Structure formats: C-alpha cells, structure tokens
Amino acid sequence: MPETSILSDDFIRELINVGEVDLVVGVPTYNDAGTVGQVVQAVRAGLLRYFPRARAVIINADGGSRDGTQELVRAASISDVNVSADVHALRTLHSISTQYENGPASGVALHTILAAAELLQARACAVVSPESTMLEPEWIERLLAPVLRDGTEMVLPVYRRHKFDGLLIRNLIYPLTRAVYGCTVREPYPSDFAFSGALGSNFLAQDIWTQEQGRSGTELWLSISAVAARSRITQSFLGTKARPENAPTDLVKAMRESAGTLFGSMEAFAATWSATHEPLEAPCKGCKEVVSLEPLRLNRKRLYQMFTFGMSELEPVFLSILTPETHSELRRLAALPEDKFAYPADVWARTVYEFAAAYHRAVIGRDHVVQALVPLFRGRAVTFLTENREASAEQVESNIESLCQTFERERPYLIESWNGGK
C-alpha cells in the first residue's frame, strides 16, 4: 500500500487525475521564484527531448513560499503542443505543486515527492534543486536514463566545482563516506539525483521520517542507506555546479546536516560497515575534469583565528572527545603561527574518527559532539586552502585523492576507537 499519509487530500486528487506515470521529477522549493522558472523549463525540455514517449510529471513540494514559486512551477504544464522546432510533446506533461505543512524542511519535501512517486507507480524518479541554475536538459537524461535503461538503482551526480568550493564535501563527507562504506561516490550529499521506483519505496519504508534525519540531511542519509545496502549505484557527470550568490554561511547547521547525519548513519548501519566487505563500484558516466580554477577569495586568516579560538574555548569538550595524544597534537598545532600552521591529513582523519566514536558512545550530548567539530574543520580548511592555493586542477585532484587514501588507511583506527579501544 503506497505511503500517502503525508499527502493532502487535494494533492492526492491531483495525482489521481494524472494517473500512473513512468517518470517523476521532483523539485523541492521554498521562496525560489528567482531561479525555479529556468530550472523547471530545463527539466521540461529534458523530459520532452529525451523521453518523448514517457508518461511524466513534474512535482513541486513547496515549504510555504510567498513569492510566486508555485505558480511558476505550475506554468510548466503543457499538452499536445510544439515546444520547439525539434521537440514535440507526444503526451501531456503535468506539472503540479503542493505545499506541505510545518516547513520548510528539505526532508519533508523529499518525503512528499517519494510518496507521490510511489502512488503514481513511477519507474524512476529524479530530484533536482531549484538552485541548480546551470541545469541543462541533458542533465535529465543523464540522471534518468541509467535507471530506465541500465537497471541502475540510484544515480548520484558529479559536478565540475571550483577548487575551493565544497570544502566540507571534499575534506569530510567524501573521504569519510568512502573510507567507512567502501564506495567512491564524489557527491554523497546530492542536490540533484535519481533512483528507481523500487528503491524509492525502500526509502519510504525507513523509519527516519519522524526523526531529525527525515527533516534535514535527508539526501545524505538516503544515499548512504543505498550504499550501505550495496545498491547498484552509478555516478553521472552533469556539468558545472553553480555557487549560489548568497551561499549559506551557517557552518554549525551544515555540520549538523553532514557530520551529524554521517555519524548517525554509522550508528544505524554499524553491522554493515564494520564487517569486512568488498568495495562497492560506482562507475561514473561521462566523467570529465571536475575542478575549475576561476578566481575565488576566501579568508584563511579568519578561519585560522576561529580554529585557535575554538581550541581555547572548547578545551573541556575536546578533553571528553579526543584521546590525550590527539588533543596534545591539536594544542601544538594551535600554538603555531599562521604562516607555519598545517593540519596534517592523518591527524585530521584520526580526529574525525575519534569524534565518530565519541558520538557513538555519547560521551556528551551528541549534538554537542557534532558542533565541537566545527572549529577543527576550520583548521583543516585552512590547510586545504594553503595546499591548493597555487595548485593546478590535477594537483587538487591528487591532493583530494591522497586525503581519501589517508582516511582509508586509518580505518582500522576507527574500528578500534568505535569498539572502545581508544
């Protein structure tokens, strides 16, 4: 029986009017009128160009926008019309919008899209971000075709990013996911991704939807759960990842949604990742150079100062989380002058692993464990920026790969720490 409890009666009636479909493209929004129009038009063009015979629907799950976002999405509905000189609509393409309650929350939007896709018995579902302003019609083909034609269960993106964009992904989320779960997915916290109808039903059946993972960090949780289940995963190169003009600066919130979700997943899937298992292949279709070198200024001095301040202010917290050896090493690093400062990869990996073990043992409140990682991450970010300041795209990639290998090499330390040996 499809999960429909999250869907309003009016929305269910709209879905019933649509009928069964082959494809769903979900667009979660909240006050995205400035970008959602172009994103939805690109989605529409992709569906019509690459899947002209498929029964498809665009579903917008909105968190209470007051700027006309929903109207822009609904305007994408078309019937049997000529879209352009080379694209014809062979079927009606519906574009419907619903406003969920208690929003905005990305996890609730995803829950809504998943429930709607299951009710419509969709064969495949993609989710795209309204902030993906570089989205081209080809992205829709690259996300959905592996599911429809190759039997892939989940498609995760690979983007071309500026070498200093995605510092949290490159220094924590990617290396930790890769080392713990044995899968080289570059973007385990995806903003644009796709999955089969069957996997979507498995996502719905998880017991996260009344918990924090069902409100924030949900995209990361779902991709990790697919990796932990050893699902068939493909990565697709989409293109350039646009950096939002007003990129969020709340690192505490970002750390909760990333490290908090990852540590929580390690708790939930401990029996899977702690056992010996073969690496999970995640081949990348169309992968190209993924690092760009446009100018981008970041304040290393400010990050360094916040690291040293955090080391001083959170001393009692670090004493409860870190081993004496690691704590002593971090104090030594914090005493270095800025021009001599470096947070080595092996020390960073052991730091993260000790935080994961402390979260597991709940040595203090788990949210406090996650928050305490913020100043230490800033120290690691300083080192990443310094190492790659003059680096070519190839050197940046080599440095990221070296960091991942360090996390993998230190994995036995994680197991020992997790089991209480450190």
Protein backbone atom coordinates (compact mmCIF):
# COMPACT_ATOMS: atom_id res chain seq x y z
CA MET A 1 0.00 0.00 0.00
CA PRO A 2 1.56 3.34 -1.01
CA GLU A 3 2.61 5.73 1.76
CA THR A 4 0.11 8.59 1.42
CA SER A 5 -0.23 9.91 4.98
CA ILE A 6 1.97 12.92 4.23
CA LEU A 7 -0.10 13.90 1.16
CA SER A 8 -3.05 16.24 1.44
CA ASP A 9 -6.42 15.12 0.09
CA ASP A 10 -6.35 17.82 -2.60
CA PHE A 11 -2.89 16.74 -3.72
CA ILE A 12 -3.91 13.09 -3.84
CA ARG A 13 -6.84 14.05 -6.07
CA GLU A 14 -4.44 15.87 -8.40
CA LEU A 15 -2.18 12.82 -8.52
CA ILE A 16 -5.10 10.53 -9.25
CA ASN A 17 -6.06 12.78 -12.16
CA VAL A 18 -2.52 12.41 -13.51
CA GLY A 19 -2.70 8.60 -13.34
CA GLU A 20 0.21 6.17 -13.48
CA VAL A 21 3.45 7.56 -14.89
CA ASP A 22 6.87 6.36 -15.97
CA LEU A 23 8.87 9.32 -14.68
CA VAL A 24 8.64 11.78 -11.82
CA VAL A 25 10.90 14.79 -11.47
CA GLY A 26 10.63 16.34 -8.02
CA VAL A 27 11.55 19.94 -7.29
CA PRO A 28 11.63 20.91 -3.59
CA THR A 29 11.27 24.67 -3.12
CA TYR A 30 10.98 27.50 -0.65
CA ASN A 31 10.89 31.07 -1.96
CA ASP A 32 12.82 30.17 -5.12
CA ALA A 33 10.97 32.35 -7.62
CA GLY A 34 14.24 33.86 -8.77
CA THR A 35 15.58 30.54 -10.11
CA VAL A 36 12.87 27.88 -10.21
CA GLY A 37 11.37 29.06 -13.50
CA GLN A 38 14.50 28.42 -15.55
CA VAL A 39 15.17 25.16 -13.72
CA VAL A 40 11.68 23.79 -14.39
CA GLN A 41 11.82 24.89 -18.03
CA ALA A 42 15.11 22.98 -18.44
CA VAL A 43 13.51 19.93 -16.77
CA ARG A 44 10.54 20.17 -19.11
CA ALA A 45 12.80 20.43 -22.16
CA GLY A 46 14.84 17.43 -20.98
CA LEU A 47 11.78 15.25 -20.49
CA LEU A 48 10.36 16.14 -23.88
CA ARG A 49 13.61 15.82 -25.78
CA TYR A 50 14.95 12.61 -24.26
CA PHE A 51 11.79 10.83 -23.07
CA PRO A 52 9.07 11.98 -25.51
CA ARG A 53 7.04 8.79 -25.20
CA ALA A 54 7.25 8.52 -21.40
CA ARG A 55 4.38 9.46 -19.13
CA ALA A 56 5.99 12.10 -16.96
CA VAL A 57 5.08 14.59 -14.25
CA ILE A 58 6.97 17.39 -12.52
CA ILE A 59 6.08 17.52 -8.82
CA ASN A 60 6.87 20.57 -6.74
CA ALA A 61 6.92 20.12 -2.95
CA ASP A 62 6.90 23.62 -1.51
CA GLY A 63 7.66 24.67 2.06
CA GLY A 64 5.36 27.70 2.16
CA SER A 65 6.70 30.10 -0.47
CA ARG A 66 5.19 33.58 -0.65
CA ASP A 67 6.96 34.78 -3.77
CA GLY A 68 5.02 33.01 -6.53
CA THR A 69 7.29 29.95 -6.71
CA GLN A 70 4.38 27.51 -7.02
CA GLU A 71 2.75 29.45 -9.85
CA LEU A 72 5.98 29.37 -11.84
CA VAL A 73 6.15 25.59 -11.49
CA ARG A 74 2.51 25.05 -12.47
CA ALA A 75 3.09 27.13 -15.60
CA ALA A 76 5.32 24.38 -16.95
CA SER A 77 2.36 22.09 -17.65
CA ILE A 78 1.88 21.52 -21.36
CA SER A 79 -0.39 19.43 -23.50
CA ASP A 80 -0.05 18.29 -27.08
CA VAL A 81 1.87 21.28 -28.39
CA ASN A 82 5.01 22.03 -30.36
CA VAL A 83 7.64 23.07 -27.81
CA SER A 84 10.39 23.96 -30.24
CA ALA A 85 11.45 23.18 -33.77
CA ASP A 86 12.85 19.78 -32.82
CA VAL A 87 10.90 18.87 -29.67
CA HIS A 88 7.30 17.73 -29.72
CA ALA A 89 5.11 16.72 -26.79
CA LEU A 90 3.76 13.28 -27.58
CA ARG A 91 1.98 13.11 -24.23
CA THR A 92 0.60 15.58 -21.75
CA LEU A 93 3.31 16.73 -19.35
CA HIS A 94 1.80 17.60 -16.00
CA SER A 95 3.46 19.99 -13.57
CA ILE A 96 1.75 20.13 -10.19
CA SER A 97 2.58 21.77 -6.91
CA THR A 98 1.70 21.08 -3.30
CA GLN A 99 2.51 22.91 -0.10
CA TYR A 100 3.47 20.66 2.79
CA GLU A 101 2.98 21.56 6.44
CA ASN A 102 5.48 22.51 9.14
CA GLY A 103 8.03 23.60 6.57
CA PRO A 104 10.36 24.49 5.15
CA ALA A 105 12.40 21.28 5.52
CA SER A 106 14.19 19.50 2.70
CA GLY A 107 13.45 16.11 4.22
CA VAL A 108 9.70 16.75 4.33
CA ALA A 109 9.82 17.85 0.70
CA LEU A 110 11.64 14.63 -0.22
CA HIS A 111 9.14 12.56 1.76
CA THR A 112 6.32 14.23 -0.17
CA ILE A 113 7.98 13.56 -3.54
CA LEU A 114 8.71 9.93 -2.62
CA ALA A 115 5.13 9.31 -1.51
CA ALA A 116 3.75 10.89 -4.69
CA ALA A 117 6.11 8.86 -6.91
CA GLU A 118 5.03 5.64 -5.22
CA LEU A 119 1.35 6.50 -5.53
CA LEU A 120 1.88 7.11 -9.26
CA GLN A 121 3.89 3.86 -9.53
CA ALA A 122 6.73 5.68 -11.27
CA ARG A 123 9.51 3.56 -12.70
CA ALA A 124 12.10 6.23 -12.00
CA CYS A 125 12.27 9.48 -10.07
CA ALA A 126 14.74 12.36 -10.22
CA VAL A 127 15.05 15.19 -7.73
CA VAL A 128 16.58 18.49 -8.83
CA SER A 129 17.43 21.55 -6.80
CA PRO A 130 15.84 24.92 -7.65
CA GLU A 131 19.32 26.37 -7.10
CA SER A 132 20.79 24.31 -9.96
CA THR A 133 20.77 27.28 -12.30
CA MET A 134 23.32 25.64 -14.60
CA LEU A 135 20.91 22.76 -15.20
CA GLU A 136 20.65 21.80 -18.88
CA PRO A 137 18.07 19.48 -20.49
CA GLU A 138 20.87 16.89 -20.80
CA TRP A 139 21.00 16.59 -17.01
CA ILE A 140 17.57 14.94 -17.03
CA GLU A 141 18.76 12.31 -19.48
CA ARG A 142 21.97 11.72 -17.52
CA LEU A 143 20.02 11.26 -14.28
CA LEU A 144 17.11 9.12 -15.51
CA ALA A 145 18.50 7.07 -18.40
CA PRO A 146 20.74 4.83 -16.23
CA VAL A 147 17.69 3.88 -14.14
CA LEU A 148 15.37 3.26 -17.10
CA ARG A 149 17.82 1.58 -19.45
CA ASP A 150 20.63 0.08 -17.37
CA GLY A 151 18.87 -1.18 -14.26
CA THR A 152 20.71 1.28 -12.01
CA GLU A 153 19.03 1.76 -8.64
CA MET A 154 20.48 5.17 -7.79
CA VAL A 155 22.23 7.86 -9.82
CA LEU A 156 24.40 10.36 -7.96
CA PRO A 157 25.88 13.46 -9.55
CA VAL A 158 29.41 14.52 -10.31
CA TYR A 159 29.90 18.24 -10.86
CA ARG A 160 32.66 20.50 -12.01
CA ARG A 161 33.35 22.66 -8.95
CA HIS A 162 35.72 25.48 -8.20
CA LYS A 163 38.74 24.08 -6.38
CA PHE A 164 37.73 25.92 -3.20
CA ASP A 165 34.02 25.16 -3.42
CA GLY A 166 32.54 22.31 -1.39
CA LEU A 167 35.23 22.34 1.33
CA LEU A 168 33.04 20.30 3.66
CA ILE A 169 32.37 17.71 0.97
CA ARG A 170 36.00 17.39 -0.06
CA ASN A 171 37.53 17.35 3.41
CA LEU A 172 34.93 15.42 5.39
CA ILE A 173 31.86 13.99 3.66
CA TYR A 174 33.57 12.36 0.67
CA PRO A 175 36.64 10.90 2.43
CA LEU A 176 34.64 9.68 5.44
CA THR A 177 31.90 8.08 3.31
CA ARG A 178 34.47 6.47 1.06
CA ALA A 179 36.52 5.05 3.94
CA VAL A 180 33.57 3.83 6.02
CA TYR A 181 31.36 2.40 3.28
CA GLY A 182 33.90 1.47 0.62
CA CYS A 183 32.26 3.41 -2.21
CA THR A 184 33.83 6.25 -4.18
CA VAL A 185 30.78 8.48 -4.59
CA ARG A 186 32.02 12.04 -5.06
CA GLU A 187 28.77 13.73 -4.01
CA PRO A 188 27.17 11.61 -1.28
CA TYR A 189 25.13 14.67 -0.24
CA PRO A 190 23.45 15.30 -3.60
CA SER A 191 21.23 18.17 -4.63
CA ASP A 192 20.38 16.50 -7.97
CA PHE A 193 19.94 12.72 -8.08
CA ALA A 194 17.70 9.89 -9.28
CA PHE A 195 16.53 6.48 -8.13
CA SER A 196 14.33 3.59 -9.20
CA GLY A 197 10.74 3.27 -8.10
CA ALA A 198 11.66 0.18 -6.08
CA LEU A 199 14.46 1.97 -4.23
CA GLY A 200 12.13 4.90 -3.62
CA SER A 201 9.71 2.53 -1.92
CA ASN A 202 12.58 1.24 0.22
CA PHE A 203 13.41 4.81 1.20
CA LEU A 204 9.79 5.37 2.19
CA ALA A 205 9.79 2.26 4.37
CA GLN A 206 12.68 3.53 6.51
CA ASP A 207 11.81 4.75 9.99
CA ILE A 208 13.52 8.13 9.63
CA TRP A 209 10.55 10.27 8.67
CA THR A 210 9.58 11.21 12.23
CA GLN A 211 13.21 11.77 13.22
CA GLU A 212 15.72 14.53 12.53
CA GLN A 213 17.17 12.64 9.55
CA GLY A 214 13.74 12.92 7.95
CA ARG A 215 13.86 16.73 8.11
CA SER A 216 17.45 17.76 7.40
CA GLY A 217 20.44 15.99 5.88
CA THR A 218 17.94 13.57 4.32
CA GLU A 219 19.58 13.48 0.89
CA LEU A 220 22.83 12.33 2.50
CA TRP A 221 21.02 9.75 4.60
CA LEU A 222 19.25 8.27 1.57
CA SER A 223 22.42 7.98 -0.50
CA ILE A 224 24.30 6.43 2.43
CA SER A 225 21.48 3.94 3.03
CA ALA A 226 21.64 2.94 -0.65
CA VAL A 227 25.41 2.46 -0.39
CA ALA A 228 25.08 0.52 2.87
CA ALA A 229 22.50 -1.76 1.22
CA ARG A 230 25.01 -2.30 -1.63
CA SER A 231 22.53 -0.99 -4.18
CA ARG A 232 23.54 -0.65 -7.81
CA ILE A 233 24.83 2.93 -8.00
CA THR A 234 26.04 4.98 -10.95
CA GLN A 235 27.55 8.45 -10.96
CA SER A 236 26.73 10.79 -13.84
CA PHE A 237 28.72 13.85 -14.78
CA LEU A 238 26.22 16.69 -15.01
CA GLY A 239 28.29 19.82 -15.53
CA THR A 240 29.26 22.91 -13.60
CA LYS A 241 27.88 23.32 -10.09
CA ALA A 242 26.77 26.89 -9.67
CA ARG A 243 27.86 28.59 -6.48
CA PRO A 244 24.79 30.35 -5.00
CA GLU A 245 25.15 34.12 -4.84
CA ASN A 246 24.14 34.06 -1.19
CA ALA A 247 25.82 30.81 -0.18
CA PRO A 248 24.82 29.78 3.36
CA THR A 249 27.41 30.60 5.99
CA ASP A 250 25.96 28.73 8.98
CA LEU A 251 28.69 26.13 9.40
CA VAL A 252 27.14 24.74 12.59
CA LYS A 253 23.93 23.94 10.70
CA ALA A 254 25.91 22.46 7.80
CA MET A 255 27.94 20.32 10.22
CA ARG A 256 24.78 19.01 11.86
CA GLU A 257 23.35 18.06 8.48
CA SER A 258 26.57 16.43 7.25
CA ALA A 259 28.72 15.09 10.11
CA GLY A 260 25.64 14.60 12.30
CA THR A 261 23.92 12.59 9.57
CA LEU A 262 27.07 10.61 8.78
CA PHE A 263 27.72 9.75 12.41
CA GLY A 264 24.05 8.79 12.79
CA SER A 265 24.27 6.55 9.73
CA MET A 266 27.35 4.85 11.17
CA GLU A 267 25.30 4.09 14.27
CA ALA A 268 22.38 2.73 12.23
CA PHE A 269 24.46 0.71 9.75
CA ALA A 270 27.29 -0.36 12.08
CA ALA A 271 26.77 -4.05 11.40
CA THR A 272 27.24 -3.39 7.69
CA TRP A 273 30.24 -1.07 7.55
CA SER A 274 32.22 -2.62 10.41
CA ALA A 275 32.20 -6.01 8.72
CA THR A 276 34.71 -6.84 6.02
CA HIS A 277 33.15 -6.32 2.61
CA GLU A 278 34.19 -5.77 -0.96
CA PRO A 279 34.28 -2.18 -2.24
CA LEU A 280 31.07 -1.09 -3.94
CA GLU A 281 31.69 0.04 -7.50
CA ALA A 282 30.03 3.31 -8.53
CA PRO A 283 31.13 3.89 -12.14
CA CYS A 284 30.92 7.42 -13.49
CA LYS A 285 29.31 8.03 -16.87
CA GLY A 286 30.76 10.87 -18.89
CA CYS A 287 33.17 11.98 -16.19
CA LYS A 288 35.40 14.89 -17.12
CA GLU A 289 37.75 17.23 -15.30
CA VAL A 290 35.89 18.16 -12.13
CA VAL A 291 37.98 21.08 -10.84
CA SER A 292 37.83 24.63 -12.17
CA LEU A 293 40.25 27.43 -11.34
CA GLU A 294 38.35 30.72 -11.58
CA PRO A 295 39.39 33.34 -9.01
CA LEU A 296 37.74 32.93 -5.62
CA ARG A 297 38.89 34.69 -2.45
CA LEU A 298 38.49 33.03 0.92
CA ASN A 299 39.66 34.43 4.25
CA ARG A 300 42.24 31.95 5.53
CA LYS A 301 43.33 34.28 8.32
CA ARG A 302 39.79 34.40 9.72
CA LEU A 303 39.49 30.59 9.57
CA TYR A 304 42.83 30.22 11.36
CA GLN A 305 41.76 32.64 14.11
CA MET A 306 38.46 30.81 14.60
CA PHE A 307 40.34 27.50 14.86
CA THR A 308 42.70 28.75 17.55
CA PHE A 309 39.87 30.49 19.43
CA GLY A 310 37.77 27.32 19.31
CA MET A 311 40.66 25.22 20.60
CA SER A 312 40.89 27.51 23.61
CA GLU A 313 37.19 27.94 24.30
CA LEU A 314 36.20 24.27 23.91
CA GLU A 315 39.11 22.74 25.83
CA PRO A 316 36.88 20.81 28.30
CA VAL A 317 34.76 19.44 25.45
CA PHE A 318 37.78 18.26 23.48
CA LEU A 319 39.16 16.54 26.57
CA SER A 320 35.99 14.41 26.71
CA ILE A 321 36.05 13.57 22.99
CA LEU A 322 39.69 13.22 21.94
CA THR A 323 42.43 10.89 23.09
CA PRO A 324 45.23 12.57 25.06
CA GLU A 325 47.58 12.05 22.11
CA THR A 326 45.32 13.73 19.56
CA HIS A 327 44.36 16.50 21.94
CA SER A 328 48.02 17.22 22.66
CA GLU A 329 48.81 17.31 18.94
CA LEU A 330 45.96 19.75 18.25
CA ARG A 331 47.13 22.03 21.05
CA ARG A 332 50.57 22.01 19.46
CA LEU A 333 49.07 22.93 16.09
CA ALA A 334 47.03 25.75 17.64
CA ALA A 335 50.21 27.26 19.07
CA LEU A 336 51.85 27.51 15.64
CA PRO A 337 51.98 30.90 13.93
CA GLU A 338 49.67 31.22 10.96
CA ASP A 339 52.44 31.01 8.36
CA LYS A 340 53.67 27.72 9.89
CA PHE A 341 50.26 26.19 10.54
CA ALA A 342 49.26 22.88 8.92
CA TYR A 343 46.65 20.31 9.98
CA PRO A 344 48.05 17.06 8.54
CA ALA A 345 45.73 14.60 6.81
CA ASP A 346 46.48 11.74 9.21
CA VAL A 347 45.78 13.89 12.27
CA TRP A 348 42.54 15.13 10.68
CA ALA A 349 41.42 11.56 9.89
CA ARG A 350 42.09 10.41 13.45
CA THR A 351 40.30 13.49 14.78
CA VAL A 352 37.18 12.71 12.74
CA TYR A 353 37.29 9.06 13.78
CA GLU A 354 37.56 9.96 17.45
CA PHE A 355 34.57 12.29 17.06
CA ALA A 356 32.60 9.48 15.40
CA ALA A 357 33.46 7.14 18.30
CA ALA A 358 32.53 9.82 20.85
CA TYR A 359 29.19 10.29 19.08
CA HIS A 360 28.67 6.52 19.20
CA ARG A 361 29.42 6.36 22.91
CA ALA A 362 27.51 9.61 23.60
CA VAL A 363 30.29 10.82 25.88
CA ILE A 364 28.46 14.16 25.93
CA GLY A 365 25.30 15.25 24.13
CA ARG A 366 25.60 14.10 20.54
CA ASP A 367 24.69 17.48 19.12
CA HIS A 368 27.49 19.00 21.20
CA VAL A 369 29.92 16.44 19.75
CA VAL A 370 28.95 17.49 16.22
CA GLN A 371 29.14 21.21 16.97
CA ALA A 372 32.60 20.85 18.53
CA LEU A 373 33.93 19.59 15.20
CA VAL A 374 33.25 22.99 13.59
CA PRO A 375 36.38 24.89 14.75
CA LEU A 376 38.59 21.88 13.98
CA PHE A 377 37.16 21.68 10.46
CA ARG A 378 38.05 25.34 10.03
CA GLY A 379 41.64 24.44 10.85
CA ARG A 380 41.59 21.68 8.26
CA ALA A 381 40.04 24.09 5.73
CA VAL A 382 42.95 26.49 6.24
CA THR A 383 45.36 23.69 5.33
CA PHE A 384 43.35 22.68 2.24
CA LEU A 385 43.29 26.28 1.03
CA THR A 386 47.02 26.68 1.65
CA GLU A 387 47.97 23.40 -0.04
CA ASN A 388 45.93 24.18 -3.13
CA ARG A 389 46.43 27.95 -3.39
CA GLU A 390 48.68 27.65 -6.46
CA ALA A 391 47.67 24.11 -7.42
CA SER A 392 46.53 23.05 -10.87
CA ALA A 393 43.30 21.11 -11.33
CA GLU A 394 45.32 17.88 -11.49
CA GLN A 395 47.16 18.71 -8.27
CA VAL A 396 43.91 19.50 -6.46
CA GLU A 397 42.51 16.15 -7.53
CA SER A 398 45.70 14.42 -6.41
CA ASN A 399 45.51 16.11 -3.00
CA ILE A 400 41.86 15.10 -2.54
CA GLU A 401 42.71 11.54 -3.52
CA SER A 402 45.61 11.49 -1.07
CA LEU A 403 43.31 12.66 1.74
CA CYS A 404 40.81 9.91 0.91
CA GLN A 405 43.57 7.31 0.94
CA THR A 406 44.67 8.57 4.36
CA PHE A 407 41.13 8.12 5.70
CA GLU A 408 41.10 4.59 4.23
CA ARG A 409 44.49 3.77 5.71
CA GLU A 410 43.36 4.94 9.15
CA ARG A 411 40.14 2.90 9.01
CA PRO A 412 41.42 0.28 11.49
CA TYR A 413 41.86 3.14 13.96
CA LEU A 414 38.17 3.96 13.50
CA ILE A 415 37.16 0.36 14.21
CA GLU A 416 39.35 0.27 17.32
CA SER A 417 38.05 3.62 18.56
CA TRP A 418 34.45 2.67 17.81
CA ASN A 419 34.81 -0.54 19.82
CA GLY A 420 36.22 1.34 22.79
CA GLY A 421 39.89 0.55 22.30
CA LYS A 422 41.00 4.19 22.19
